[in-house]
Amino acid sequence: MEGEQLEEVFYEGYGPSGSALVIKTLTSNTNRTATNVKTFLNKFG
């Protein structure tokens, strides 16, 4: 959206078979993005 402040945020987690992941995101809402990343890692990690 126009005029929205975007922030680059990195997250670390573990994927299938214990593989280490670094997830790079670009977001305007870090709380929502953190929740989405956690949900994804819990479901598929």
PDB file of N, CA and C in Angstrom:
ATOM      1  N   MET A   1       0.828  -1.172   0.000  1.00  0.00           N
ATOM      2  CA  MET A   1       0.000   0.000   0.000  1.00  0.00           C
ATOM      3  C   MET A   1       0.879   1.245   0.000  1.00  0.00           C
ATOM      4  N   GLU A   2       0.360   2.290  -0.512  1.00  0.00           N
ATOM      5  CA  GLU A   2       1.121   3.525  -0.644  1.00  0.00           C
ATOM      6  C   GLU A   2       1.410   4.136   0.729  1.00  0.00           C
ATOM      7  N   GLY A   3       2.669   4.538   0.935  1.00  0.00           N
ATOM      8  CA  GLY A   3       3.064   5.179   2.174  1.00  0.00           C
ATOM      9  C   GLY A   3       3.279   4.237   3.345  1.00  0.00           C
ATOM     10  N   GLU A   4       3.180   2.947   3.112  1.00  0.00           N
ATOM     11  CA  GLU A   4       3.336   1.974   4.182  1.00  0.00           C
ATOM     12  C   GLU A   4       4.820   1.702   4.424  1.00  0.00           C
ATOM     13  N   GLN A   5       5.219   1.633   5.689  1.00  0.00           N
ATOM     14  CA  GLN A   5       6.598   1.365   6.058  1.00  0.00           C
ATOM     15  C   GLN A   5       6.838  -0.143   6.055  1.00  0.00           C
ATOM     16  N   LEU A   6       7.742  -0.609   5.204  1.00  0.00           N
ATOM     17  CA  LEU A   6       8.064  -2.035   5.149  1.00  0.00           C
ATOM     18  C   LEU A   6       9.364  -2.288   5.895  1.00  0.00           C
ATOM     19  N   GLU A   7       9.423  -3.410   6.576  1.00  0.00           N
ATOM     20  CA  GLU A   7      10.583  -3.768   7.373  1.00  0.00           C
ATOM     21  C   GLU A   7      11.049  -5.168   6.986  1.00  0.00           C
ATOM     22  N   GLU A   8      12.360  -5.327   6.845  1.00  0.00           N
ATOM     23  CA  GLU A   8      12.936  -6.633   6.550  1.00  0.00           C
ATOM     24  C   GLU A   8      13.248  -7.324   7.878  1.00  0.00           C
ATOM     25  N   VAL A   9      12.722  -8.531   8.049  1.00  0.00           N
ATOM     26  CA  VAL A   9      12.892  -9.268   9.302  1.00  0.00           C
ATOM     27  C   VAL A   9      13.336 -10.689   8.976  1.00  0.00           C
ATOM     28  N   PHE A  10      14.271 -11.205   9.765  1.00  0.00           N
ATOM     29  CA  PHE A  10      14.757 -12.572   9.603  1.00  0.00           C
ATOM     30  C   PHE A  10      14.270 -13.424  10.771  1.00  0.00           C
ATOM     31  N   TYR A  11      13.886 -14.657  10.464  1.00  0.00           N
ATOM     32  CA  TYR A  11      13.476 -15.626  11.477  1.00  0.00           C
ATOM     33  C   TYR A  11      14.305 -16.886  11.285  1.00  0.00           C
ATOM     34  N   GLU A  12      14.562 -17.585  12.388  1.00  0.00           N
ATOM     35  CA  GLU A  12      15.285 -18.852  12.340  1.00  0.00           C
ATOM     36  C   GLU A  12      14.371 -19.948  12.872  1.00  0.00           C
ATOM     37  N   GLY A  13      14.483 -21.114  12.273  1.00  0.00           N
ATOM     38  CA  GLY A  13      13.662 -22.232  12.724  1.00  0.00           C
ATOM     39  C   GLY A  13      14.200 -23.533  12.174  1.00  0.00           C
ATOM     40  N   TYR A  14      13.461 -24.605  12.420  1.00  0.00           N
ATOM     41  CA  TYR A  14      13.856 -25.927  11.946  1.00  0.00           C
ATOM     42  C   TYR A  14      12.760 -26.504  11.075  1.00  0.00           C
ATOM     43  N   GLY A  15      13.178 -27.102   9.970  1.00  0.00           N
ATOM     44  CA  GLY A  15      12.252 -27.706   9.024  1.00  0.00           C
ATOM     45  C   GLY A  15      12.250 -29.215   9.159  1.00  0.00           C
ATOM     46  N   PRO A  16      11.769 -29.894   8.130  1.00  0.00           N
ATOM     47  CA  PRO A  16      11.725 -31.356   8.142  1.00  0.00           C
ATOM     48  C   PRO A  16      13.111 -31.965   8.372  1.00  0.00           C
ATOM     49  N   SER A  17      13.161 -33.040   9.103  1.00  0.00           N
ATOM     50  CA  SER A  17      14.404 -33.767   9.421  1.00  0.00           C
ATOM     51  C   SER A  17      15.406 -32.907  10.177  1.00  0.00           C
ATOM     52  N   GLY A  18      14.940 -31.862  10.859  1.00  0.00           N
ATOM     53  CA  GLY A  18      15.816 -31.020  11.665  1.00  0.00           C
ATOM     54  C   GLY A  18      16.672 -30.054  10.878  1.00  0.00           C
ATOM     55  N   SER A  19      16.354 -29.845   9.607  1.00  0.00           N
ATOM     56  CA  SER A  19      17.143 -28.911   8.804  1.00  0.00           C
ATOM     57  C   SER A  19      16.939 -27.486   9.309  1.00  0.00           C
ATOM     58  N   ALA A  20      18.040 -26.743   9.433  1.00  0.00           N
ATOM     59  CA  ALA A  20      17.988 -25.363   9.917  1.00  0.00           C
ATOM     60  C   ALA A  20      17.520 -24.439   8.797  1.00  0.00           C
ATOM     61  N   LEU A  21      16.661 -23.480   9.144  1.00  0.00           N
ATOM     62  CA  LEU A  21      16.129 -22.534   8.167  1.00  0.00           C
ATOM     63  C   LEU A  21      16.373 -21.107   8.630  1.00  0.00           C
ATOM     64  N   VAL A  22      16.683 -20.236   7.691  1.00  0.00           N
ATOM     65  CA  VAL A  22      16.676 -18.797   7.916  1.00  0.00           C
ATOM     66  C   VAL A  22      15.634 -18.250   6.954  1.00  0.00           C
ATOM     67  N   ILE A  23      14.628 -17.591   7.498  1.00  0.00           N
ATOM     68  CA  ILE A  23      13.505 -17.108   6.701  1.00  0.00           C
ATOM     69  C   ILE A  23      13.572 -15.592   6.646  1.00  0.00           C
ATOM     70  N   LYS A  24      13.671 -15.058   5.447  1.00  0.00           N
ATOM     71  CA  LYS A  24      13.748 -13.611   5.232  1.00  0.00           C
ATOM     72  C   LYS A  24      12.370 -13.116   4.810  1.00  0.00           C
ATOM     73  N   THR A  25      11.859 -12.093   5.510  1.00  0.00           N
ATOM     74  CA  THR A  25      10.539 -11.562   5.192  1.00  0.00           C
ATOM     75  C   THR A  25      10.612 -10.055   4.981  1.00  0.00           C
ATOM     76  N   LEU A  26       9.651  -9.532   4.270  1.00  0.00           N
ATOM     77  CA  LEU A  26       9.458  -8.095   4.091  1.00  0.00           C
ATOM     78  C   LEU A  26       8.016  -7.827   4.487  1.00  0.00           C
ATOM     79  N   THR A  27       7.816  -7.039   5.549  1.00  0.00           N
ATOM     80  CA  THR A  27       6.475  -6.918   6.114  1.00  0.00           C
ATOM     81  C   THR A  27       6.188  -5.513   6.623  1.00  0.00           C
ATOM     82  N   SER A  28       4.914  -5.208   6.697  1.00  0.00           N
ATOM     83  CA  SER A  28       4.465  -3.958   7.311  1.00  0.00           C
ATOM     84  C   SER A  28       3.909  -4.224   8.709  1.00  0.00           C
ATOM     85  N   ASN A  29       3.820  -5.503   9.099  1.00  0.00           N
ATOM     86  CA  ASN A  29       3.267  -5.876  10.399  1.00  0.00           C
ATOM     87  C   ASN A  29       4.072  -7.050  10.946  1.00  0.00           C
ATOM     88  N   THR A  30       5.064  -6.760  11.789  1.00  0.00           N
ATOM     89  CA  THR A  30       5.961  -7.809  12.279  1.00  0.00           C
ATOM     90  C   THR A  30       5.247  -8.811  13.182  1.00  0.00           C
ATOM     91  N   ASN A  31       4.249  -8.370  13.941  1.00  0.00           N
ATOM     92  CA  ASN A  31       3.512  -9.301  14.813  1.00  0.00           C
ATOM     93  C   ASN A  31       2.755 -10.335  13.996  1.00  0.00           C
ATOM     94  N   ARG A  32       2.078  -9.898  12.962  1.00  0.00           N
ATOM     95  CA  ARG A  32       1.321 -10.825  12.106  1.00  0.00           C
ATOM     96  C   ARG A  32       2.280 -11.790  11.405  1.00  0.00           C
ATOM     97  N   THR A  33       3.394 -11.263  10.909  1.00  0.00           N
ATOM     98  CA  THR A  33       4.356 -12.096  10.196  1.00  0.00           C
ATOM     99  C   THR A  33       4.978 -13.137  11.124  1.00  0.00           C
ATOM    100  N   ALA A  34       5.321 -12.746  12.346  1.00  0.00           N
ATOM    101  CA  ALA A  34       5.888 -13.696  13.308  1.00  0.00           C
ATOM    102  C   ALA A  34       4.905 -14.826  13.590  1.00  0.00           C
ATOM    103  N   THR A  35       3.637 -14.484  13.752  1.00  0.00           N
ATOM    104  CA  THR A  35       2.606 -15.500  13.979  1.00  0.00           C
ATOM    105  C   THR A  35       2.486 -16.433  12.785  1.00  0.00           C
ATOM    106  N   ASN A  36       2.504 -15.879  11.579  1.00  0.00           N
ATOM    107  CA  ASN A  36       2.399 -16.703  10.372  1.00  0.00           C
ATOM    108  C   ASN A  36       3.598 -17.637  10.223  1.00  0.00           C
ATOM    109  N   VAL A  37       4.799 -17.141  10.502  1.00  0.00           N
ATOM    110  CA  VAL A  37       6.003 -17.972  10.399  1.00  0.00           C
ATOM    111  C   VAL A  37       5.947 -19.094  11.436  1.00  0.00           C
ATOM    112  N   LYS A  38       5.571 -18.774  12.685  1.00  0.00           N
ATOM    113  CA  LYS A  38       5.458 -19.800  13.727  1.00  0.00           C
ATOM    114  C   LYS A  38       4.441 -20.872  13.344  1.00  0.00           C
ATOM    115  N   THR A  39       3.300 -20.445  12.831  1.00  0.00           N
ATOM    116  CA  THR A  39       2.261 -21.388  12.419  1.00  0.00           C
ATOM    117  C   THR A  39       2.773 -22.311  11.325  1.00  0.00           C
ATOM    118  N   PHE A  40       3.449 -21.746  10.338  1.00  0.00           N
ATOM    119  CA  PHE A  40       3.998 -22.541   9.243  1.00  0.00           C
ATOM    120  C   PHE A  40       5.021 -23.553   9.764  1.00  0.00           C
ATOM    121  N   LEU A  41       5.944 -23.097  10.626  1.00  0.00           N
ATOM    122  CA  LEU A  41       6.974 -24.001  11.145  1.00  0.00           C
ATOM    123  C   LEU A  41       6.362 -25.104  12.014  1.00  0.00           C
ATOM    124  N   ASN A  42       5.355 -24.775  12.806  1.00  0.00           N
ATOM    125  CA  ASN A  42       4.698 -25.802  13.629  1.00  0.00           C
ATOM    126  C   ASN A  42       3.953 -26.814  12.777  1.00  0.00           C
ATOM    127  N   LYS A  43       3.377 -26.362  11.683  1.00  0.00           N
ATOM    128  CA  LYS A  43       2.603 -27.254  10.825  1.00  0.00           C
ATOM    129  C   LYS A  43       3.494 -28.119   9.933  1.00  0.00           C
ATOM    130  N   PHE A  44       4.548 -27.527   9.365  1.00  0.00           N
ATOM    131  CA  PHE A  44       5.366 -28.231   8.376  1.00  0.00           C
ATOM    132  C   PHE A  44       6.787 -28.526   8.843  1.00  0.00           C
ATOM    133  N   GLY A  45       7.227 -27.947   9.944  1.00  0.00           N
ATOM    134  CA  GLY A  45       8.612 -28.076  10.398  1.00  0.00           C
ATOM    135  C   GLY A  45       8.879 -29.276  11.234  1.00  0.00           C
TER     136      GLY A  45
END
